[in-house]
N, C-alpha and C. Protein backbone atom coordinates (compact mmCIF):
# COMPACT_ATOMS: atom_id res chain seq x y z
N UNK A 1 84.81 -14.06 -91.01
CA UNK A 1 84.83 -14.85 -89.79
C UNK A 1 86.03 -14.47 -88.92
N UNK A 2 87.15 -14.05 -89.57
CA UNK A 2 88.33 -13.65 -88.79
C UNK A 2 88.03 -12.46 -87.89
N UNK A 3 87.20 -11.52 -88.38
CA UNK A 3 86.86 -10.36 -87.56
C UNK A 3 86.15 -10.81 -86.28
N UNK A 4 85.25 -11.75 -86.42
CA UNK A 4 84.49 -12.27 -85.27
C UNK A 4 85.44 -12.91 -84.27
N UNK A 5 86.35 -13.73 -84.76
CA UNK A 5 87.29 -14.40 -83.88
C UNK A 5 88.27 -13.43 -83.23
N UNK A 6 88.66 -12.37 -83.96
CA UNK A 6 89.54 -11.35 -83.38
C UNK A 6 88.89 -10.67 -82.19
N UNK A 7 87.59 -10.40 -82.30
CA UNK A 7 86.88 -9.77 -81.18
C UNK A 7 86.87 -10.72 -79.99
N UNK A 8 86.62 -12.00 -80.22
CA UNK A 8 86.61 -12.96 -79.12
C UNK A 8 87.99 -13.12 -78.49
N UNK A 9 89.04 -12.99 -79.29
CA UNK A 9 90.41 -13.07 -78.75
C UNK A 9 90.71 -11.89 -77.83
N UNK A 10 90.10 -10.74 -78.14
CA UNK A 10 90.26 -9.54 -77.31
C UNK A 10 89.07 -9.45 -76.34
N UNK A 11 88.75 -10.54 -75.69
CA UNK A 11 87.53 -10.72 -74.90
C UNK A 11 87.16 -9.50 -74.05
N UNK A 12 88.08 -9.01 -73.29
CA UNK A 12 87.77 -7.89 -72.39
C UNK A 12 88.76 -6.74 -72.55
N UNK A 13 89.19 -6.48 -73.78
CA UNK A 13 90.12 -5.39 -74.06
C UNK A 13 89.31 -4.15 -74.39
N UNK A 14 89.31 -3.19 -73.49
CA UNK A 14 88.54 -1.97 -73.67
C UNK A 14 89.39 -0.80 -74.13
N UNK A 15 90.69 -1.02 -74.28
CA UNK A 15 91.57 0.05 -74.73
C UNK A 15 91.89 -0.15 -76.21
N UNK A 16 92.32 0.92 -76.84
CA UNK A 16 92.66 0.86 -78.24
C UNK A 16 91.49 1.21 -79.14
N UNK A 17 91.64 0.87 -80.41
CA UNK A 17 90.65 1.25 -81.42
C UNK A 17 90.34 0.05 -82.30
N UNK A 18 89.16 0.05 -82.90
CA UNK A 18 88.82 -1.01 -83.86
C UNK A 18 88.17 -0.40 -85.09
N UNK A 19 88.36 -1.08 -86.21
CA UNK A 19 87.83 -0.61 -87.47
C UNK A 19 86.32 -0.85 -87.58
N UNK A 20 85.72 -0.19 -88.52
CA UNK A 20 84.29 -0.36 -88.79
C UNK A 20 84.00 -1.82 -89.11
N UNK A 21 84.83 -2.44 -89.95
CA UNK A 21 84.60 -3.82 -90.36
C UNK A 21 84.63 -4.78 -89.18
N UNK A 22 85.56 -4.58 -88.26
CA UNK A 22 85.65 -5.47 -87.10
C UNK A 22 84.34 -5.44 -86.30
N UNK A 23 83.83 -4.25 -86.06
CA UNK A 23 82.60 -4.12 -85.29
C UNK A 23 81.41 -4.72 -86.01
N UNK A 24 81.20 -4.34 -87.27
CA UNK A 24 79.99 -4.76 -87.98
C UNK A 24 80.01 -6.23 -88.37
N UNK A 25 81.18 -6.81 -88.66
CA UNK A 25 81.23 -8.25 -88.91
C UNK A 25 80.94 -9.02 -87.63
N UNK A 26 81.41 -8.51 -86.50
CA UNK A 26 81.07 -9.15 -85.22
C UNK A 26 79.57 -9.13 -85.00
N UNK A 27 78.94 -7.98 -85.25
CA UNK A 27 77.49 -7.87 -85.09
C UNK A 27 76.77 -8.83 -86.06
N UNK A 28 77.21 -8.86 -87.32
CA UNK A 28 76.59 -9.74 -88.32
C UNK A 28 76.65 -11.20 -87.89
N UNK A 29 77.84 -11.68 -87.53
CA UNK A 29 77.96 -13.08 -87.13
C UNK A 29 77.21 -13.37 -85.83
N UNK A 30 77.15 -12.42 -84.92
CA UNK A 30 76.39 -12.61 -83.68
C UNK A 30 74.91 -12.76 -83.97
N UNK A 31 74.38 -11.95 -84.89
CA UNK A 31 72.97 -12.05 -85.25
C UNK A 31 72.68 -13.39 -85.92
N UNK A 32 73.56 -13.81 -86.82
CA UNK A 32 73.37 -15.09 -87.50
C UNK A 32 73.40 -16.25 -86.50
N UNK A 33 74.37 -16.24 -85.61
CA UNK A 33 74.47 -17.29 -84.59
C UNK A 33 73.24 -17.28 -83.69
N UNK A 34 72.77 -16.09 -83.31
CA UNK A 34 71.59 -15.98 -82.46
C UNK A 34 70.36 -16.55 -83.15
N UNK A 35 70.21 -16.28 -84.45
CA UNK A 35 69.07 -16.81 -85.20
C UNK A 35 69.12 -18.33 -85.27
N UNK A 36 70.31 -18.88 -85.52
CA UNK A 36 70.46 -20.33 -85.57
C UNK A 36 70.14 -20.95 -84.22
N UNK A 37 70.63 -20.33 -83.14
CA UNK A 37 70.35 -20.85 -81.80
C UNK A 37 68.88 -20.75 -81.44
N UNK A 38 68.20 -19.71 -81.92
CA UNK A 38 66.75 -19.59 -81.68
C UNK A 38 66.01 -20.72 -82.37
N UNK A 39 66.38 -21.03 -83.61
CA UNK A 39 65.76 -22.15 -84.31
C UNK A 39 66.05 -23.47 -83.60
N UNK A 40 67.28 -23.63 -83.16
CA UNK A 40 67.66 -24.84 -82.43
C UNK A 40 66.91 -24.94 -81.11
N UNK A 41 66.77 -23.84 -80.40
CA UNK A 41 65.99 -23.81 -79.16
C UNK A 41 64.54 -24.25 -79.42
N UNK A 42 63.97 -23.72 -80.50
CA UNK A 42 62.57 -24.06 -80.83
C UNK A 42 62.44 -25.55 -81.16
N UNK A 43 63.39 -26.10 -81.90
CA UNK A 43 63.34 -27.52 -82.26
C UNK A 43 63.53 -28.44 -81.05
N UNK A 44 64.32 -28.00 -80.11
CA UNK A 44 64.60 -28.81 -78.93
C UNK A 44 63.62 -28.56 -77.78
N UNK A 45 62.70 -27.61 -77.99
CA UNK A 45 61.73 -27.29 -76.94
C UNK A 45 62.32 -26.45 -75.82
N UNK A 46 63.39 -25.76 -76.11
CA UNK A 46 64.06 -24.93 -75.09
C UNK A 46 63.70 -23.45 -75.23
N UNK A 47 62.80 -23.15 -76.14
CA UNK A 47 62.40 -21.76 -76.40
C UNK A 47 61.13 -21.45 -75.63
N UNK A 48 61.12 -20.34 -74.92
CA UNK A 48 59.96 -19.93 -74.14
C UNK A 48 59.41 -18.62 -74.69
N UNK A 49 58.27 -18.66 -75.40
CA UNK A 49 57.74 -17.47 -76.07
C UNK A 49 57.49 -16.28 -75.13
N UNK A 50 57.13 -16.54 -73.90
CA UNK A 50 56.86 -15.43 -72.97
C UNK A 50 58.13 -14.64 -72.64
N UNK A 51 59.29 -15.26 -72.75
CA UNK A 51 60.54 -14.54 -72.50
C UNK A 51 61.25 -14.17 -73.80
N UNK A 52 60.78 -14.66 -74.91
CA UNK A 52 61.31 -14.43 -76.27
C UNK A 52 62.78 -14.85 -76.43
N UNK A 53 63.23 -15.77 -75.61
CA UNK A 53 64.59 -16.29 -75.76
C UNK A 53 64.62 -17.73 -75.26
N UNK A 54 65.49 -18.51 -75.87
CA UNK A 54 65.67 -19.88 -75.45
C UNK A 54 66.91 -20.01 -74.59
N UNK A 55 67.11 -21.19 -74.06
CA UNK A 55 68.24 -21.42 -73.16
C UNK A 55 69.57 -21.26 -73.89
N UNK A 56 69.69 -21.85 -75.09
CA UNK A 56 70.95 -21.73 -75.84
C UNK A 56 71.22 -20.28 -76.24
N UNK A 57 70.18 -19.58 -76.65
CA UNK A 57 70.32 -18.17 -77.00
C UNK A 57 70.74 -17.32 -75.82
N UNK A 58 70.18 -17.63 -74.66
CA UNK A 58 70.53 -16.91 -73.43
C UNK A 58 71.99 -17.14 -73.07
N UNK A 59 72.43 -18.39 -73.15
CA UNK A 59 73.83 -18.70 -72.84
C UNK A 59 74.77 -17.97 -73.80
N UNK A 60 74.43 -17.99 -75.10
CA UNK A 60 75.26 -17.29 -76.08
C UNK A 60 75.30 -15.79 -75.79
N UNK A 61 74.16 -15.21 -75.50
CA UNK A 61 74.09 -13.78 -75.21
C UNK A 61 74.96 -13.40 -74.03
N UNK A 62 74.95 -14.22 -73.01
CA UNK A 62 75.78 -13.94 -71.83
C UNK A 62 77.27 -14.10 -72.16
N UNK A 63 77.60 -15.07 -73.02
CA UNK A 63 79.00 -15.29 -73.38
C UNK A 63 79.59 -14.14 -74.20
N UNK A 64 78.78 -13.52 -75.04
CA UNK A 64 79.31 -12.44 -75.89
C UNK A 64 78.98 -11.04 -75.36
N UNK A 65 78.42 -10.95 -74.17
CA UNK A 65 78.09 -9.64 -73.59
C UNK A 65 79.34 -8.77 -73.42
N UNK A 66 80.34 -9.29 -72.75
CA UNK A 66 81.56 -8.50 -72.50
C UNK A 66 82.30 -8.19 -73.80
N UNK A 67 82.50 -9.17 -74.71
CA UNK A 67 83.15 -8.81 -75.98
C UNK A 67 82.36 -7.78 -76.78
N UNK A 68 81.04 -7.81 -76.70
CA UNK A 68 80.21 -6.83 -77.42
C UNK A 68 80.43 -5.42 -76.88
N UNK A 69 80.47 -5.31 -75.58
CA UNK A 69 80.70 -4.00 -74.97
C UNK A 69 82.13 -3.53 -75.28
N UNK A 70 83.09 -4.46 -75.23
CA UNK A 70 84.49 -4.11 -75.48
C UNK A 70 84.70 -3.63 -76.91
N UNK A 71 84.15 -4.35 -77.90
CA UNK A 71 84.34 -3.93 -79.29
C UNK A 71 83.59 -2.63 -79.57
N UNK A 72 82.46 -2.42 -78.91
CA UNK A 72 81.74 -1.15 -79.04
C UNK A 72 82.56 0.01 -78.49
N UNK A 73 83.22 -0.24 -77.38
CA UNK A 73 84.08 0.78 -76.78
C UNK A 73 85.25 1.11 -77.71
N UNK A 74 85.90 0.08 -78.22
CA UNK A 74 87.03 0.32 -79.14
C UNK A 74 86.57 1.01 -80.42
N UNK A 75 85.37 0.68 -80.90
CA UNK A 75 84.83 1.33 -82.10
C UNK A 75 84.59 2.81 -81.86
N UNK A 76 84.02 3.15 -80.69
CA UNK A 76 83.80 4.55 -80.36
C UNK A 76 85.13 5.28 -80.17
N UNK A 77 86.13 4.59 -79.63
CA UNK A 77 87.46 5.19 -79.50
C UNK A 77 88.00 5.58 -80.87
N UNK A 78 87.71 4.79 -81.89
CA UNK A 78 88.22 5.06 -83.23
C UNK A 78 87.66 6.37 -83.79
N UNK A 79 86.45 6.74 -83.37
CA UNK A 79 85.87 8.01 -83.85
C UNK A 79 86.06 9.14 -82.84
N UNK A 80 86.89 8.87 -81.81
CA UNK A 80 87.25 9.91 -80.86
C UNK A 80 86.28 10.09 -79.71
N UNK A 81 85.43 9.11 -79.46
CA UNK A 81 84.45 9.20 -78.37
C UNK A 81 84.81 8.21 -77.26
N UNK A 82 84.36 8.50 -76.07
CA UNK A 82 84.54 7.60 -74.94
C UNK A 82 83.60 6.40 -75.09
N UNK A 83 84.01 5.27 -74.57
CA UNK A 83 83.17 4.08 -74.61
C UNK A 83 81.88 4.24 -73.82
N UNK A 84 81.89 5.16 -72.87
CA UNK A 84 80.68 5.41 -72.08
C UNK A 84 79.53 5.94 -72.93
N UNK A 85 79.84 6.45 -74.13
CA UNK A 85 78.78 6.93 -75.01
C UNK A 85 77.85 5.81 -75.48
N UNK A 86 78.21 4.56 -75.22
CA UNK A 86 77.29 3.46 -75.54
C UNK A 86 75.99 3.58 -74.74
N UNK A 87 76.08 4.24 -73.61
CA UNK A 87 74.89 4.42 -72.77
C UNK A 87 73.86 5.36 -73.39
N UNK A 88 74.24 6.05 -74.46
CA UNK A 88 73.30 6.94 -75.15
C UNK A 88 72.12 6.14 -75.72
N UNK A 89 72.30 4.85 -75.86
CA UNK A 89 71.24 3.97 -76.36
C UNK A 89 70.03 3.99 -75.42
N UNK A 90 70.23 4.41 -74.18
CA UNK A 90 69.13 4.47 -73.22
C UNK A 90 68.15 5.60 -73.52
N UNK A 91 68.54 6.55 -74.35
CA UNK A 91 67.63 7.61 -74.78
C UNK A 91 66.79 7.04 -75.92
N UNK A 92 65.49 6.98 -75.76
CA UNK A 92 64.63 6.34 -76.78
C UNK A 92 64.83 6.96 -78.17
N UNK A 93 64.87 6.13 -79.16
CA UNK A 93 64.97 6.41 -80.60
C UNK A 93 66.20 7.24 -80.96
N UNK A 94 66.28 8.47 -80.49
CA UNK A 94 67.38 9.37 -80.85
C UNK A 94 68.73 8.78 -80.43
N UNK A 95 68.79 8.20 -79.25
CA UNK A 95 70.03 7.60 -78.77
C UNK A 95 70.52 6.49 -79.68
N UNK A 96 69.61 5.63 -80.11
CA UNK A 96 69.98 4.53 -81.01
C UNK A 96 70.47 5.06 -82.35
N UNK A 97 69.80 6.05 -82.88
CA UNK A 97 70.20 6.62 -84.17
C UNK A 97 71.59 7.24 -84.08
N UNK A 98 71.82 8.03 -83.06
CA UNK A 98 73.12 8.69 -82.89
C UNK A 98 74.22 7.64 -82.72
N UNK A 99 73.97 6.61 -81.91
CA UNK A 99 74.97 5.57 -81.68
C UNK A 99 75.28 4.81 -82.97
N UNK A 100 74.28 4.47 -83.75
CA UNK A 100 74.51 3.77 -85.02
C UNK A 100 75.34 4.63 -85.97
N UNK A 101 75.06 5.92 -86.01
CA UNK A 101 75.84 6.82 -86.88
C UNK A 101 77.30 6.82 -86.44
N UNK A 102 77.56 6.94 -85.14
CA UNK A 102 78.94 6.92 -84.65
C UNK A 102 79.62 5.59 -84.95
N UNK A 103 78.91 4.48 -84.77
CA UNK A 103 79.50 3.16 -84.99
C UNK A 103 79.77 2.90 -86.47
N UNK A 104 79.02 3.56 -87.35
CA UNK A 104 79.19 3.36 -88.79
C UNK A 104 80.16 4.36 -89.42
N UNK A 105 80.52 5.39 -88.68
CA UNK A 105 81.43 6.41 -89.19
C UNK A 105 82.85 5.88 -89.22
N UNK A 106 83.55 6.16 -90.31
CA UNK A 106 84.94 5.74 -90.43
C UNK A 106 85.80 6.55 -89.45
N UNK A 107 86.74 5.89 -88.83
CA UNK A 107 87.61 6.55 -87.86
C UNK A 107 88.65 7.43 -88.51
N UNK A 108 89.23 8.27 -87.70
CA UNK A 108 90.29 9.16 -88.17
C UNK A 108 91.56 8.36 -88.41
N UNK A 109 92.27 8.68 -89.48
CA UNK A 109 93.52 7.97 -89.81
C UNK A 109 94.65 8.32 -88.84
N UNK A 110 94.61 9.52 -88.27
CA UNK A 110 95.70 9.93 -87.39
C UNK A 110 95.47 9.38 -85.97
N UNK A 111 96.52 9.42 -85.21
CA UNK A 111 96.47 8.95 -83.84
C UNK A 111 95.59 9.88 -83.01
N UNK A 112 94.81 9.31 -82.09
CA UNK A 112 94.05 10.13 -81.16
C UNK A 112 94.39 9.70 -79.73
N UNK A 113 93.70 10.23 -78.75
CA UNK A 113 94.06 9.94 -77.36
C UNK A 113 93.83 8.48 -76.98
N UNK A 114 93.16 7.71 -77.84
CA UNK A 114 92.90 6.29 -77.57
C UNK A 114 93.89 5.37 -78.25
N UNK A 115 94.80 5.94 -79.05
CA UNK A 115 95.83 5.12 -79.67
C UNK A 115 95.99 5.35 -81.16
N UNK A 116 96.79 4.50 -81.75
CA UNK A 116 97.09 4.56 -83.17
C UNK A 116 95.92 3.98 -83.96
N UNK A 117 95.67 4.52 -85.13
CA UNK A 117 94.60 4.02 -85.98
C UNK A 117 94.84 2.57 -86.36
N UNK A 118 93.81 1.73 -86.28
CA UNK A 118 94.00 0.32 -86.68
C UNK A 118 94.30 0.19 -88.18
N UNK A 119 93.96 1.19 -88.96
CA UNK A 119 94.27 1.17 -90.40
C UNK A 119 95.76 1.36 -90.64
N UNK A 120 96.45 2.00 -89.71
CA UNK A 120 97.88 2.29 -89.86
C UNK A 120 98.73 1.06 -89.55
N UNK A 121 98.15 0.07 -88.91
CA UNK A 121 98.93 -1.11 -88.50
C UNK A 121 99.16 -2.05 -89.65
C-alpha cells in the first residue's frame, strides 16, 4: 500500500526514476480499487453498460490519470527510455507487448541521464 501512496504523493512528478515494484503495486491497487468501484456503481445504479463504466469508476480514473502517466514515465526512465515511449501502446498488440516488457524490466543500477537509481537510495 505504501507504493500506491508514494505514487499519489508524487502526483505530477515526471522526472527521476521509479522501481519495478512502485509501478506494478500502483497498477495492482488501481485495478483492485477500480473493481470495487465498479461493483459499488452497479449496486448503486450508477453503472451504465453501454459505456462500460460507472460514475465512481470514471471519477477515480480521472483522479489517477496524471499519477499513472507520471509513474509510467519514471518507470521508463529507470530502463533508460523516454516517457514518450508510453505512446507505443497506440500500435496494436505489438506496442502493448513491448511496453509491458519495458515496464517489467529491472532498471540499471548505475546512474543514467534521468537520475540516480532508486535502488541506490
